[in-house]
Amino acid sequence: MVNALPKWVMVRYSKLWNEFKDKEFTFDKAVKVLKDKEAVVSVFLSDLRKAGWIQVNLSQKDLRQRVYKLKSPAEAIKDMNK
């Protein structure tokens, strides 16, 4: 199930979508693109996960690190109607 996003989350989602589209990225890359404090990015990614707009997996290269992959806007909106 996918939920609507607050405006502050949607703005950051848009920045990440413009940069990565459907490619995987790390927390550090998200911080660099968003130019926010790590604590803000952490809350943002958590909110995206809870809303169903992002997939979170463990890195195959380093199992201590997570990798993120955004759902496309079309896919997320389609899932909202389920």
C-alpha atoms as a PDB file:
ATOM      1  CA  MET A   1       0.000   0.000   0.000  1.00  0.00           C
ATOM      2  CA  VAL A   2       1.284   3.439  -0.918  1.00  0.00           C
ATOM      3  CA  ASN A   3       0.295   6.606   0.927  1.00  0.00           C
ATOM      4  CA  ALA A   4       0.361  10.272  -0.053  1.00  0.00           C
ATOM      5  CA  LEU A   5       3.472  12.207   0.925  1.00  0.00           C
ATOM      6  CA  PRO A   6       3.764  15.467   2.863  1.00  0.00           C
ATOM      7  CA  LYS A   7       5.075  18.368   0.765  1.00  0.00           C
ATOM      8  CA  TRP A   8       8.525  18.436   2.428  1.00  0.00           C
ATOM      9  CA  VAL A   9       8.970  14.721   1.615  1.00  0.00           C
ATOM     10  CA  MET A  10       7.662  15.115  -1.947  1.00  0.00           C
ATOM     11  CA  VAL A  11      10.134  17.921  -2.687  1.00  0.00           C
ATOM     12  CA  ARG A  12      13.055  15.722  -1.631  1.00  0.00           C
ATOM     13  CA  TYR A  13      11.630  12.682  -3.432  1.00  0.00           C
ATOM     14  CA  SER A  14      11.531  14.783  -6.631  1.00  0.00           C
ATOM     15  CA  LYS A  15      15.192  15.754  -6.247  1.00  0.00           C
ATOM     16  CA  LEU A  16      16.217  12.116  -5.796  1.00  0.00           C
ATOM     17  CA  TRP A  17      13.993  10.958  -8.673  1.00  0.00           C
ATOM     18  CA  ASN A  18      15.579  13.556 -10.992  1.00  0.00           C
ATOM     19  CA  GLU A  19      19.042  12.325  -9.998  1.00  0.00           C
ATOM     20  CA  PHE A  20      18.615   8.538  -9.781  1.00  0.00           C
ATOM     21  CA  LYS A  21      15.300   7.587 -11.462  1.00  0.00           C
ATOM     22  CA  ASP A  22      15.004   3.829 -10.823  1.00  0.00           C
ATOM     23  CA  LYS A  23      18.698   3.232 -10.029  1.00  0.00           C
ATOM     24  CA  GLU A  24      19.898   2.158  -6.596  1.00  0.00           C
ATOM     25  CA  PHE A  25      21.655   4.706  -4.394  1.00  0.00           C
ATOM     26  CA  THR A  26      23.197   4.874  -0.936  1.00  0.00           C
ATOM     27  CA  PHE A  27      22.452   7.054   2.060  1.00  0.00           C
ATOM     28  CA  ASP A  28      25.631   9.076   1.418  1.00  0.00           C
ATOM     29  CA  LYS A  29      24.591   9.778  -2.169  1.00  0.00           C
ATOM     30  CA  ALA A  30      21.165  10.909  -0.963  1.00  0.00           C
ATOM     31  CA  VAL A  31      22.777  13.300   1.534  1.00  0.00           C
ATOM     32  CA  LYS A  32      24.984  14.726  -1.222  1.00  0.00           C
ATOM     33  CA  VAL A  33      22.070  15.266  -3.638  1.00  0.00           C
ATOM     34  CA  LEU A  34      19.659  16.657  -1.049  1.00  0.00           C
ATOM     35  CA  LYS A  35      22.260  18.844   0.700  1.00  0.00           C
ATOM     36  CA  ASP A  36      20.494  18.238   4.003  1.00  0.00           C
ATOM     37  CA  LYS A  37      21.775  17.140   7.396  1.00  0.00           C
ATOM     38  CA  GLU A  38      22.072  13.372   7.827  1.00  0.00           C
ATOM     39  CA  ALA A  39      19.333  13.373  10.479  1.00  0.00           C
ATOM     40  CA  VAL A  40      16.870  15.026   8.062  1.00  0.00           C
ATOM     41  CA  VAL A  41      17.735  12.559   5.286  1.00  0.00           C
ATOM     42  CA  SER A  42      17.326   9.653   7.689  1.00  0.00           C
ATOM     43  CA  VAL A  43      13.815  10.807   8.694  1.00  0.00           C
ATOM     44  CA  PHE A  44      12.966  11.499   5.047  1.00  0.00           C
ATOM     45  CA  LEU A  45      14.011   8.012   3.887  1.00  0.00           C
ATOM     46  CA  SER A  46      12.127   6.443   6.779  1.00  0.00           C
ATOM     47  CA  ASP A  47       8.976   8.379   5.848  1.00  0.00           C
ATOM     48  CA  LEU A  48       9.343   7.313   2.205  1.00  0.00           C
ATOM     49  CA  ARG A  49       9.689   3.675   3.265  1.00  0.00           C
ATOM     50  CA  LYS A  50       6.661   3.836   5.559  1.00  0.00           C
ATOM     51  CA  ALA A  51       4.616   5.439   2.768  1.00  0.00           C
ATOM     52  CA  GLY A  52       5.688   2.713   0.296  1.00  0.00           C
ATOM     53  CA  TRP A  53       7.528   5.007  -2.125  1.00  0.00           C
ATOM     54  CA  ILE A  54      10.961   3.386  -1.761  1.00  0.00           C
ATOM     55  CA  GLN A  55      12.517  -0.069  -1.530  1.00  0.00           C
ATOM     56  CA  VAL A  56      15.283  -0.668   0.992  1.00  0.00           C
ATOM     57  CA  ASN A  57      17.725  -3.575   0.622  1.00  0.00           C
ATOM     58  CA  LEU A  58      21.115  -4.562   1.958  1.00  0.00           C
ATOM     59  CA  SER A  59      24.090  -3.848  -0.268  1.00  0.00           C
ATOM     60  CA  GLN A  60      25.574  -6.899  -1.946  1.00  0.00           C
ATOM     61  CA  LYS A  61      29.047  -5.343  -1.589  1.00  0.00           C
ATOM     62  CA  ASP A  62      28.749  -4.459   2.106  1.00  0.00           C
ATOM     63  CA  LEU A  63      25.976  -6.067   4.142  1.00  0.00           C
ATOM     64  CA  ARG A  64      26.253  -3.308   6.761  1.00  0.00           C
ATOM     65  CA  GLN A  65      25.069  -0.744   4.225  1.00  0.00           C
ATOM     66  CA  ARG A  66      21.569  -0.225   2.819  1.00  0.00           C
ATOM     67  CA  VAL A  67      20.760   0.634  -0.771  1.00  0.00           C
ATOM     68  CA  TYR A  68      17.615   2.457  -1.788  1.00  0.00           C
ATOM     69  CA  LYS A  69      15.530   2.361  -4.946  1.00  0.00           C
ATOM     70  CA  LEU A  70      12.652   4.757  -5.579  1.00  0.00           C
ATOM     71  CA  LYS A  71       9.332   3.697  -6.986  1.00  0.00           C
ATOM     72  CA  SER A  72       8.451   5.677 -10.082  1.00  0.00           C
ATOM     73  CA  PRO A  73       5.825   8.381  -9.502  1.00  0.00           C
ATOM     74  CA  ALA A  74       3.428   6.541 -11.857  1.00  0.00           C
ATOM     75  CA  GLU A  75       3.914   3.231 -10.021  1.00  0.00           C
ATOM     76  CA  ALA A  76       3.472   4.832  -6.605  1.00  0.00           C
ATOM     77  CA  ILE A  77       0.287   6.638  -7.641  1.00  0.00           C
ATOM     78  CA  LYS A  78      -1.067   3.471  -9.240  1.00  0.00           C
ATOM     79  CA  ASP A  79      -0.381   1.588  -5.978  1.00  0.00           C
ATOM     80  CA  MET A  80      -2.224   4.305  -4.024  1.00  0.00           C
ATOM     81  CA  ASN A  81      -5.453   3.313  -5.773  1.00  0.00           C
ATOM     82  CA  LYS A  82      -5.275  -0.332  -4.673  1.00  0.00           C
END
